[in-house]
Amino acid sequence: MILMADDVIATVNDETDAVIFHSLISQFEKLSNLKLNPMKSVAYGTPGAKNRMIQNWKIPMNAITDPQFVYLGIPLNGLDWERRLKVTLKKIPPLWDKAIEVRTLYINTYVFSTLYYFDQHHCCPPDILTTFKQQITKRIQPPNGFKISTSKIQTPIWLGGFGLLDLSHQMMGRKAF
């Protein structure tokens, strides 16, 4: 069993192990006066064991082969990058009333950081990443029709640019092997 902060990962081989694990969790709850939150908890098992394990447990049971198998927000059985990037773009609020430097800081801090996290687990295909970068650059451009080159947008502020990180370069480390 692996215990990390508020996460518990247990490997069970069969129904007997599952019953033992359930007993350990019940003992923990009694001794600590803490409870597992069934809204934030999921039990995973092999596809065949999914329907047989712990029928009276109030935690949803899924198979480890389920495409929705997620840990710490990362889908472990693959990531649909096109969908992830569309969702990410929709989450960017309108920033037209902010200075370009503020827009780039927001995108660097709140948008790109989540993408790095996902990329550590499932590398983003270069063609999808290129399209996303173009869409991000459009979001930074001034609304008055005046166009600023991508190189100017990506040049660091201390060198006279606007400081948008080059996402391809930032994610390159993971793709190097």
N, C-alpha and C. Protein backbone atom coordinates (compact mmCIF):
# COMPACT_ATOMS: atom_id res chain seq x y z
N MET A 1 0.85 -1.17 0.00
CA MET A 1 0.00 0.00 0.00
C MET A 1 0.89 1.24 0.00
N ILE A 2 0.55 2.22 -0.81
CA ILE A 2 1.30 3.47 -0.88
C ILE A 2 0.43 4.56 -0.26
N LEU A 3 0.95 5.30 0.70
CA LEU A 3 0.22 6.40 1.32
C LEU A 3 0.95 7.70 1.03
N MET A 4 0.27 8.66 0.44
CA MET A 4 0.89 9.94 0.13
C MET A 4 -0.08 11.05 0.50
N ALA A 5 0.28 11.86 1.46
CA ALA A 5 -0.55 12.97 1.91
C ALA A 5 -1.97 12.48 2.12
N ASP A 6 -2.89 12.89 1.28
CA ASP A 6 -4.27 12.46 1.44
C ASP A 6 -4.66 11.42 0.39
N ASP A 7 -3.68 10.83 -0.28
CA ASP A 7 -3.96 9.83 -1.30
C ASP A 7 -3.60 8.45 -0.79
N VAL A 8 -4.43 7.48 -1.10
CA VAL A 8 -4.15 6.09 -0.78
C VAL A 8 -4.25 5.30 -2.08
N ILE A 9 -3.21 4.57 -2.37
CA ILE A 9 -3.21 3.68 -3.53
C ILE A 9 -2.95 2.28 -2.99
N ALA A 10 -3.88 1.39 -3.22
CA ALA A 10 -3.72 0.01 -2.75
C ALA A 10 -3.87 -0.92 -3.93
N THR A 11 -3.07 -1.94 -3.97
CA THR A 11 -3.18 -2.96 -5.01
C THR A 11 -3.82 -4.19 -4.38
N VAL A 12 -4.94 -4.59 -4.93
CA VAL A 12 -5.61 -5.79 -4.44
C VAL A 12 -5.67 -6.81 -5.57
N ASN A 13 -5.44 -8.06 -5.23
CA ASN A 13 -5.39 -9.11 -6.23
C ASN A 13 -6.72 -9.79 -6.47
N ASP A 14 -7.55 -9.82 -5.44
CA ASP A 14 -8.81 -10.54 -5.57
C ASP A 14 -9.81 -10.01 -4.54
N GLU A 15 -10.96 -10.69 -4.45
CA GLU A 15 -12.01 -10.25 -3.53
C GLU A 15 -11.54 -10.30 -2.08
N THR A 16 -10.74 -11.28 -1.73
CA THR A 16 -10.24 -11.39 -0.36
C THR A 16 -9.40 -10.18 -0.01
N ASP A 17 -8.49 -9.79 -0.89
CA ASP A 17 -7.68 -8.59 -0.67
C ASP A 17 -8.57 -7.35 -0.56
N ALA A 18 -9.59 -7.28 -1.39
CA ALA A 18 -10.48 -6.13 -1.37
C ALA A 18 -11.21 -6.02 -0.03
N VAL A 19 -11.64 -7.16 0.49
CA VAL A 19 -12.32 -7.16 1.80
C VAL A 19 -11.35 -6.73 2.89
N ILE A 20 -10.11 -7.21 2.83
CA ILE A 20 -9.09 -6.81 3.82
C ILE A 20 -8.85 -5.30 3.71
N PHE A 21 -8.72 -4.80 2.49
CA PHE A 21 -8.49 -3.36 2.30
C PHE A 21 -9.66 -2.56 2.85
N HIS A 22 -10.86 -3.00 2.57
CA HIS A 22 -12.06 -2.32 3.07
C HIS A 22 -12.05 -2.31 4.60
N SER A 23 -11.63 -3.41 5.21
CA SER A 23 -11.54 -3.49 6.66
C SER A 23 -10.51 -2.49 7.20
N LEU A 24 -9.36 -2.39 6.54
CA LEU A 24 -8.33 -1.42 6.95
C LEU A 24 -8.85 0.01 6.89
N ILE A 25 -9.56 0.31 5.81
CA ILE A 25 -10.12 1.67 5.68
C ILE A 25 -11.15 1.92 6.79
N SER A 26 -11.99 0.94 7.07
CA SER A 26 -12.99 1.08 8.13
C SER A 26 -12.33 1.30 9.49
N GLN A 27 -11.25 0.54 9.76
CA GLN A 27 -10.51 0.71 11.02
C GLN A 27 -9.90 2.11 11.09
N PHE A 28 -9.32 2.55 10.00
CA PHE A 28 -8.75 3.90 9.96
C PHE A 28 -9.82 4.94 10.28
N GLU A 29 -10.99 4.80 9.66
CA GLU A 29 -12.07 5.77 9.89
C GLU A 29 -12.49 5.79 11.36
N LYS A 30 -12.57 4.63 11.98
CA LYS A 30 -12.97 4.56 13.40
C LYS A 30 -11.91 5.16 14.31
N LEU A 31 -10.65 4.80 14.07
CA LEU A 31 -9.56 5.27 14.94
C LEU A 31 -9.27 6.76 14.80
N SER A 32 -9.37 7.27 13.59
CA SER A 32 -9.00 8.67 13.35
C SER A 32 -10.18 9.62 13.39
N ASN A 33 -11.39 9.06 13.36
CA ASN A 33 -12.61 9.86 13.27
C ASN A 33 -12.64 10.67 11.97
N LEU A 34 -11.97 10.16 10.95
CA LEU A 34 -11.99 10.75 9.62
C LEU A 34 -12.74 9.80 8.69
N LYS A 35 -13.27 10.32 7.63
CA LYS A 35 -14.01 9.50 6.68
C LYS A 35 -13.49 9.72 5.27
N LEU A 36 -13.53 8.66 4.45
CA LEU A 36 -13.25 8.82 3.03
C LEU A 36 -14.41 9.58 2.42
N ASN A 37 -14.10 10.53 1.58
CA ASN A 37 -15.14 11.28 0.90
C ASN A 37 -15.55 10.51 -0.35
N PRO A 38 -16.76 9.92 -0.37
CA PRO A 38 -17.16 9.14 -1.53
C PRO A 38 -17.30 9.97 -2.80
N MET A 39 -17.43 11.28 -2.66
CA MET A 39 -17.52 12.15 -3.84
C MET A 39 -16.16 12.36 -4.48
N LYS A 40 -15.08 12.10 -3.74
CA LYS A 40 -13.73 12.30 -4.26
C LYS A 40 -12.95 11.00 -4.36
N SER A 41 -13.60 9.88 -4.10
CA SER A 41 -12.92 8.59 -4.05
C SER A 41 -13.43 7.67 -5.14
N VAL A 42 -12.53 6.89 -5.68
CA VAL A 42 -12.88 5.88 -6.68
C VAL A 42 -12.01 4.67 -6.41
N ALA A 43 -12.61 3.51 -6.48
CA ALA A 43 -11.87 2.26 -6.38
C ALA A 43 -11.71 1.70 -7.79
N TYR A 44 -10.52 1.25 -8.12
CA TYR A 44 -10.27 0.68 -9.44
C TYR A 44 -9.86 -0.78 -9.28
N GLY A 45 -10.31 -1.59 -10.17
CA GLY A 45 -9.94 -3.00 -10.18
C GLY A 45 -9.79 -3.47 -11.61
N THR A 46 -9.41 -4.71 -11.77
CA THR A 46 -9.31 -5.27 -13.11
C THR A 46 -10.73 -5.39 -13.68
N PRO A 47 -10.87 -5.41 -15.00
CA PRO A 47 -12.21 -5.44 -15.58
C PRO A 47 -13.07 -6.59 -15.05
N GLY A 48 -12.52 -7.78 -14.86
CA GLY A 48 -13.30 -8.90 -14.36
C GLY A 48 -13.71 -8.74 -12.91
N ALA A 49 -12.84 -8.11 -12.11
CA ALA A 49 -13.12 -7.95 -10.69
C ALA A 49 -14.04 -6.78 -10.40
N LYS A 50 -14.20 -5.91 -11.35
CA LYS A 50 -14.96 -4.68 -11.14
C LYS A 50 -16.34 -4.93 -10.53
N ASN A 51 -17.06 -5.88 -11.05
CA ASN A 51 -18.42 -6.12 -10.59
C ASN A 51 -18.50 -6.99 -9.35
N ARG A 52 -17.43 -7.69 -9.00
CA ARG A 52 -17.46 -8.61 -7.87
C ARG A 52 -16.99 -7.99 -6.56
N MET A 53 -16.22 -6.91 -6.64
CA MET A 53 -15.55 -6.39 -5.44
C MET A 53 -16.45 -5.49 -4.60
N ILE A 54 -16.44 -5.71 -3.34
CA ILE A 54 -17.03 -4.87 -2.30
C ILE A 54 -18.35 -4.23 -2.73
N GLN A 55 -19.37 -5.02 -2.76
CA GLN A 55 -20.68 -4.52 -3.18
C GLN A 55 -21.26 -3.49 -2.21
N ASN A 56 -20.93 -3.58 -0.91
CA ASN A 56 -21.53 -2.67 0.07
C ASN A 56 -20.72 -1.39 0.29
N TRP A 57 -19.63 -1.24 -0.39
CA TRP A 57 -18.81 -0.03 -0.24
C TRP A 57 -19.47 1.11 -0.99
N LYS A 58 -19.49 2.27 -0.42
CA LYS A 58 -20.21 3.40 -1.02
C LYS A 58 -19.33 4.22 -1.98
N ILE A 59 -18.23 3.63 -2.41
CA ILE A 59 -17.31 4.32 -3.32
C ILE A 59 -17.51 3.73 -4.71
N PRO A 60 -17.59 4.57 -5.73
CA PRO A 60 -17.76 4.04 -7.09
C PRO A 60 -16.60 3.11 -7.47
N MET A 61 -16.93 2.09 -8.21
CA MET A 61 -15.94 1.12 -8.65
C MET A 61 -15.78 1.19 -10.16
N ASN A 62 -14.56 1.29 -10.64
CA ASN A 62 -14.27 1.32 -12.07
C ASN A 62 -13.16 0.34 -12.39
N ALA A 63 -13.04 0.04 -13.65
CA ALA A 63 -11.95 -0.83 -14.10
C ALA A 63 -10.74 0.03 -14.46
N ILE A 64 -9.55 -0.53 -14.25
CA ILE A 64 -8.34 0.23 -14.56
C ILE A 64 -8.20 0.47 -16.06
N THR A 65 -8.94 -0.26 -16.87
CA THR A 65 -8.89 -0.06 -18.31
C THR A 65 -9.87 1.01 -18.78
N ASP A 66 -10.65 1.53 -17.87
CA ASP A 66 -11.64 2.57 -18.19
C ASP A 66 -10.91 3.80 -18.74
N PRO A 67 -11.40 4.37 -19.87
CA PRO A 67 -10.74 5.57 -20.41
C PRO A 67 -10.79 6.75 -19.44
N GLN A 68 -11.69 6.71 -18.49
CA GLN A 68 -11.81 7.79 -17.51
C GLN A 68 -10.94 7.55 -16.27
N PHE A 69 -10.03 6.59 -16.32
CA PHE A 69 -9.14 6.30 -15.21
C PHE A 69 -8.23 7.51 -15.00
N VAL A 70 -8.49 8.26 -13.93
CA VAL A 70 -7.82 9.54 -13.70
C VAL A 70 -7.16 9.52 -12.32
N TYR A 71 -5.95 10.04 -12.26
CA TYR A 71 -5.28 10.23 -10.98
C TYR A 71 -4.66 11.62 -10.96
N LEU A 72 -4.97 12.39 -9.93
CA LEU A 72 -4.52 13.78 -9.78
C LEU A 72 -4.83 14.60 -11.03
N GLY A 73 -5.98 14.36 -11.61
CA GLY A 73 -6.41 15.12 -12.77
C GLY A 73 -5.85 14.65 -14.10
N ILE A 74 -4.99 13.64 -14.08
CA ILE A 74 -4.38 13.14 -15.31
C ILE A 74 -5.06 11.85 -15.73
N PRO A 75 -5.63 11.82 -16.94
CA PRO A 75 -6.18 10.56 -17.42
C PRO A 75 -5.02 9.60 -17.72
N LEU A 76 -4.99 8.47 -17.06
CA LEU A 76 -3.85 7.58 -17.16
C LEU A 76 -3.89 6.68 -18.39
N ASN A 77 -5.02 6.58 -19.05
CA ASN A 77 -5.13 5.73 -20.23
C ASN A 77 -5.14 6.54 -21.52
N GLY A 78 -4.45 7.66 -21.52
CA GLY A 78 -4.35 8.48 -22.73
C GLY A 78 -5.03 9.83 -22.55
N LEU A 79 -4.65 10.77 -23.38
CA LEU A 79 -5.19 12.13 -23.29
C LEU A 79 -5.56 12.61 -24.69
N ASP A 80 -6.75 13.12 -24.83
CA ASP A 80 -7.20 13.72 -26.08
C ASP A 80 -6.73 15.17 -26.08
N TRP A 81 -5.56 15.40 -26.68
CA TRP A 81 -4.96 16.74 -26.64
C TRP A 81 -5.81 17.79 -27.33
N GLU A 82 -6.44 17.44 -28.44
CA GLU A 82 -7.28 18.43 -29.13
C GLU A 82 -8.39 18.92 -28.21
N ARG A 83 -9.04 17.99 -27.53
CA ARG A 83 -10.12 18.36 -26.61
C ARG A 83 -9.56 19.15 -25.44
N ARG A 84 -8.44 18.71 -24.86
CA ARG A 84 -7.83 19.39 -23.72
C ARG A 84 -7.50 20.84 -24.07
N LEU A 85 -6.94 21.07 -25.27
CA LEU A 85 -6.56 22.43 -25.65
C LEU A 85 -7.78 23.30 -25.96
N LYS A 86 -8.84 22.72 -26.52
CA LYS A 86 -10.08 23.47 -26.73
C LYS A 86 -10.67 23.92 -25.40
N VAL A 87 -10.70 23.01 -24.44
CA VAL A 87 -11.21 23.34 -23.10
C VAL A 87 -10.34 24.43 -22.48
N THR A 88 -9.03 24.31 -22.64
CA THR A 88 -8.10 25.30 -22.09
C THR A 88 -8.35 26.68 -22.69
N LEU A 89 -8.53 26.74 -24.01
CA LEU A 89 -8.81 28.03 -24.67
C LEU A 89 -10.10 28.66 -24.16
N LYS A 90 -11.12 27.83 -23.94
CA LYS A 90 -12.40 28.36 -23.45
C LYS A 90 -12.29 28.93 -22.05
N LYS A 91 -11.32 28.45 -21.27
CA LYS A 91 -11.16 28.91 -19.89
C LYS A 91 -10.43 30.25 -19.80
N ILE A 92 -9.83 30.69 -20.89
CA ILE A 92 -9.10 31.96 -20.86
C ILE A 92 -10.13 33.10 -20.91
N PRO A 93 -10.17 33.93 -19.88
CA PRO A 93 -11.15 35.02 -19.88
C PRO A 93 -10.75 36.10 -20.89
N PRO A 94 -11.71 36.93 -21.29
CA PRO A 94 -11.35 38.06 -22.17
C PRO A 94 -10.38 38.98 -21.43
N LEU A 95 -9.26 39.26 -22.05
CA LEU A 95 -8.22 40.07 -21.41
C LEU A 95 -7.91 41.33 -22.22
N TRP A 96 -8.81 41.71 -23.12
CA TRP A 96 -8.50 42.82 -24.03
C TRP A 96 -8.26 44.13 -23.31
N ASP A 97 -8.84 44.31 -22.13
CA ASP A 97 -8.65 45.56 -21.41
C ASP A 97 -7.33 45.60 -20.64
N LYS A 98 -6.59 44.50 -20.67
CA LYS A 98 -5.31 44.42 -19.96
C LYS A 98 -4.15 44.67 -20.92
N ALA A 99 -3.04 45.13 -20.38
CA ALA A 99 -1.83 45.34 -21.18
C ALA A 99 -1.35 43.99 -21.72
N ILE A 100 -0.66 44.00 -22.84
CA ILE A 100 -0.17 42.76 -23.45
C ILE A 100 0.72 42.00 -22.47
N GLU A 101 1.53 42.70 -21.70
CA GLU A 101 2.40 42.04 -20.73
C GLU A 101 1.58 41.27 -19.69
N VAL A 102 0.44 41.83 -19.29
CA VAL A 102 -0.43 41.18 -18.32
C VAL A 102 -1.07 39.93 -18.95
N ARG A 103 -1.47 40.05 -20.22
CA ARG A 103 -2.05 38.89 -20.92
C ARG A 103 -1.03 37.77 -21.02
N THR A 104 0.20 38.10 -21.39
CA THR A 104 1.22 37.05 -21.52
C THR A 104 1.55 36.44 -20.15
N LEU A 105 1.60 37.26 -19.12
CA LEU A 105 1.86 36.75 -17.78
C LEU A 105 0.76 35.79 -17.35
N TYR A 106 -0.49 36.15 -17.62
CA TYR A 106 -1.62 35.28 -17.29
C TYR A 106 -1.50 33.94 -18.02
N ILE A 107 -1.24 34.00 -19.30
CA ILE A 107 -1.14 32.77 -20.10
C ILE A 107 0.05 31.93 -19.65
N ASN A 108 1.21 32.57 -19.43
CA ASN A 108 2.38 31.82 -18.96
C ASN A 108 2.10 31.13 -17.63
N THR A 109 1.44 31.83 -16.72
CA THR A 109 1.24 31.33 -15.36
C THR A 109 0.09 30.35 -15.24
N TYR A 110 -1.06 30.71 -15.77
CA TYR A 110 -2.26 29.92 -15.50
C TYR A 110 -2.63 28.94 -16.62
N VAL A 111 -2.18 29.19 -17.82
CA VAL A 111 -2.54 28.31 -18.93
C VAL A 111 -1.42 27.32 -19.20
N PHE A 112 -0.23 27.82 -19.46
CA PHE A 112 0.87 26.94 -19.83
C PHE A 112 1.25 25.99 -18.70
N SER A 113 1.16 26.42 -17.44
CA SER A 113 1.57 25.55 -16.34
C SER A 113 0.74 24.27 -16.29
N THR A 114 -0.55 24.36 -16.59
CA THR A 114 -1.37 23.14 -16.59
C THR A 114 -0.99 22.24 -17.76
N LEU A 115 -0.63 22.83 -18.88
CA LEU A 115 -0.25 22.03 -20.04
C LEU A 115 1.06 21.29 -19.81
N TYR A 116 2.00 21.92 -19.11
CA TYR A 116 3.26 21.24 -18.79
C TYR A 116 2.97 19.99 -17.96
N TYR A 117 2.05 20.14 -17.03
CA TYR A 117 1.69 19.03 -16.15
C TYR A 117 1.13 17.85 -16.96
N PHE A 118 0.21 18.14 -17.87
CA PHE A 118 -0.34 17.08 -18.71
C PHE A 118 0.73 16.49 -19.63
N ASP A 119 1.59 17.35 -20.17
CA ASP A 119 2.62 16.90 -21.11
C ASP A 119 3.63 15.96 -20.44
N GLN A 120 3.81 16.08 -19.15
CA GLN A 120 4.71 15.17 -18.44
C GLN A 120 4.22 13.74 -18.50
N HIS A 121 2.91 13.57 -18.67
CA HIS A 121 2.32 12.23 -18.66
C HIS A 121 1.97 11.73 -20.06
N HIS A 122 1.58 12.65 -20.92
CA HIS A 122 1.20 12.30 -22.30
C HIS A 122 1.70 13.42 -23.20
N CYS A 123 2.73 13.16 -23.97
CA CYS A 123 3.32 14.20 -24.82
C CYS A 123 2.30 14.72 -25.84
N CYS A 124 2.28 16.02 -25.97
CA CYS A 124 1.39 16.66 -26.94
C CYS A 124 2.00 16.54 -28.34
N PRO A 125 1.21 16.07 -29.31
CA PRO A 125 1.73 15.98 -30.69
C PRO A 125 2.11 17.37 -31.21
N PRO A 126 3.25 17.48 -31.92
CA PRO A 126 3.74 18.79 -32.38
C PRO A 126 2.75 19.56 -33.24
N ASP A 127 2.00 18.89 -34.12
CA ASP A 127 1.06 19.61 -34.99
C ASP A 127 -0.08 20.23 -34.19
N ILE A 128 -0.56 19.53 -33.18
CA ILE A 128 -1.63 20.08 -32.33
C ILE A 128 -1.09 21.24 -31.52
N LEU A 129 0.14 21.11 -31.02
CA LEU A 129 0.77 22.17 -30.25
C LEU A 129 0.98 23.43 -31.09
N THR A 130 1.38 23.27 -32.34
CA THR A 130 1.57 24.41 -33.24
C THR A 130 0.26 25.17 -33.45
N THR A 131 -0.82 24.45 -33.68
CA THR A 131 -2.12 25.08 -33.86
C THR A 131 -2.53 25.83 -32.60
N PHE A 132 -2.32 25.23 -31.45
CA PHE A 132 -2.66 25.86 -30.18
C PHE A 132 -1.86 27.14 -29.97
N LYS A 133 -0.58 27.09 -30.27
CA LYS A 133 0.27 28.29 -30.12
C LYS A 133 -0.24 29.43 -31.00
N GLN A 134 -0.69 29.11 -32.21
CA GLN A 134 -1.24 30.14 -33.10
C GLN A 134 -2.50 30.75 -32.50
N GLN A 135 -3.33 29.92 -31.91
CA GLN A 135 -4.56 30.42 -31.29
C GLN A 135 -4.26 31.29 -30.07
N ILE A 136 -3.26 30.90 -29.30
CA ILE A 136 -2.84 31.70 -28.13
C ILE A 136 -2.31 33.06 -28.59
N THR A 137 -1.49 33.05 -29.64
CA THR A 137 -0.93 34.30 -30.16
C THR A 137 -2.05 35.24 -30.60
N LYS A 138 -3.09 34.70 -31.22
CA LYS A 138 -4.24 35.53 -31.62
C LYS A 138 -4.92 36.15 -30.41
N ARG A 139 -4.96 35.43 -29.31
CA ARG A 139 -5.60 35.95 -28.08
C ARG A 139 -4.81 37.11 -27.48
N ILE A 140 -3.53 37.16 -27.77
CA ILE A 140 -2.68 38.20 -27.21
C ILE A 140 -2.69 39.45 -28.09
N GLN A 141 -2.91 39.27 -29.37
CA GLN A 141 -2.89 40.40 -30.31
C GLN A 141 -3.89 41.48 -29.88
N PRO A 142 -3.54 42.74 -30.10
CA PRO A 142 -4.46 43.83 -29.76
C PRO A 142 -5.74 43.73 -30.61
N PRO A 143 -6.88 44.13 -30.05
CA PRO A 143 -8.15 44.02 -30.77
C PRO A 143 -8.32 45.07 -31.88
N ASN A 144 -7.43 46.04 -31.96
CA ASN A 144 -7.60 47.13 -32.93
C ASN A 144 -7.11 46.78 -34.33
N GLY A 145 -6.69 45.52 -34.57
CA GLY A 145 -6.24 45.11 -35.90
C GLY A 145 -4.74 45.24 -36.09
N PHE A 146 -4.07 45.96 -35.19
CA PHE A 146 -2.62 46.07 -35.26
C PHE A 146 -2.01 44.72 -34.90
N LYS A 147 -1.11 44.21 -35.74
CA LYS A 147 -0.52 42.89 -35.52
C LYS A 147 0.91 43.03 -34.98
N ILE A 148 1.20 42.19 -34.00
CA ILE A 148 2.54 42.13 -33.42
C ILE A 148 3.11 40.76 -33.79
N SER A 149 4.35 40.74 -34.23
CA SER A 149 4.94 39.47 -34.66
C SER A 149 5.06 38.50 -33.49
N THR A 150 5.01 37.22 -33.82
CA THR A 150 5.16 36.17 -32.80
C THR A 150 6.51 36.29 -32.11
N SER A 151 7.55 36.61 -32.87
CA SER A 151 8.87 36.73 -32.26
C SER A 151 8.91 37.88 -31.24
N LYS A 152 8.20 38.97 -31.51
CA LYS A 152 8.14 40.10 -30.56
C LYS A 152 7.35 39.69 -29.32
N ILE A 153 6.27 38.94 -29.53
CA ILE A 153 5.46 38.50 -28.40
C ILE A 153 6.26 37.55 -27.52
N GLN A 154 7.11 36.71 -28.14
CA GLN A 154 7.87 35.73 -27.37
C GLN A 154 9.23 36.22 -26.88
N THR A 155 9.64 37.39 -27.29
CA THR A 155 10.90 37.95 -26.79
C THR A 155 10.71 38.34 -25.33
N PRO A 156 11.68 38.01 -24.45
CA PRO A 156 11.55 38.38 -23.04
C PRO A 156 11.35 39.88 -22.85
N ILE A 157 10.64 40.23 -21.80
CA ILE A 157 10.33 41.64 -21.52
C ILE A 157 11.62 42.45 -21.38
N TRP A 158 12.64 41.90 -20.71
CA TRP A 158 13.88 42.65 -20.51
C TRP A 158 14.66 42.88 -21.80
N LEU A 159 14.22 42.19 -22.89
CA LEU A 159 14.85 42.42 -24.20
C LEU A 159 13.92 43.20 -25.14
N GLY A 160 12.86 43.78 -24.58
CA GLY A 160 11.97 44.62 -25.37
C GLY A 160 10.75 43.92 -25.93
N GLY A 161 10.53 42.67 -25.56
CA GLY A 161 9.35 41.94 -26.05
C GLY A 161 8.25 41.92 -25.02
N PHE A 162 7.33 40.97 -25.19
CA PHE A 162 6.19 40.88 -24.29
C PHE A 162 6.22 39.63 -23.40
N GLY A 163 7.19 38.77 -23.58
CA GLY A 163 7.48 37.72 -22.63
C GLY A 163 6.65 36.44 -22.68
N LEU A 164 5.92 36.19 -23.77
CA LEU A 164 5.18 34.94 -23.85
C LEU A 164 6.19 33.80 -24.02
N LEU A 165 6.07 32.78 -23.18
CA LEU A 165 6.97 31.64 -23.29
C LEU A 165 6.70 30.89 -24.58
N ASP A 166 7.78 30.34 -25.16
CA ASP A 166 7.63 29.51 -26.35
C ASP A 166 7.26 28.12 -25.86
N LEU A 167 5.99 27.77 -25.98
CA LEU A 167 5.46 26.53 -25.44
C LEU A 167 6.20 25.31 -25.98
N SER A 168 6.53 25.30 -27.27
CA SER A 168 7.24 24.16 -27.85
C SER A 168 8.60 23.98 -27.17
N HIS A 169 9.29 25.08 -26.96
CA HIS A 169 10.61 25.03 -26.32
C HIS A 169 10.48 24.56 -24.87
N GLN A 170 9.46 25.05 -24.17
CA GLN A 170 9.26 24.69 -22.77
C GLN A 170 8.95 23.20 -22.61
N MET A 171 8.25 22.63 -23.58
CA MET A 171 7.86 21.22 -23.48
C MET A 171 8.90 20.28 -24.11
N MET A 172 9.93 20.84 -24.70
CA MET A 172 10.93 20.07 -25.41
C MET A 172 11.67 19.08 -24.53
N GLY A 173 11.91 19.41 -23.28
CA GLY A 173 12.66 18.54 -22.39
C GLY A 173 12.07 17.16 -22.28
N ARG A 174 10.77 17.08 -22.21
CA ARG A 174 10.08 15.79 -22.08
C ARG A 174 10.20 14.99 -23.38
N LYS A 175 10.25 15.67 -24.51
CA LYS A 175 10.27 15.00 -25.79
C LYS A 175 11.68 14.62 -26.24
N ALA A 176 12.68 14.95 -25.43
CA ALA A 176 14.05 14.73 -25.85
C ALA A 176 14.45 13.26 -25.88
N PHE A 177 13.71 12.41 -25.18
CA PHE A 177 14.14 11.00 -25.17
C PHE A 177 13.27 10.13 -26.04
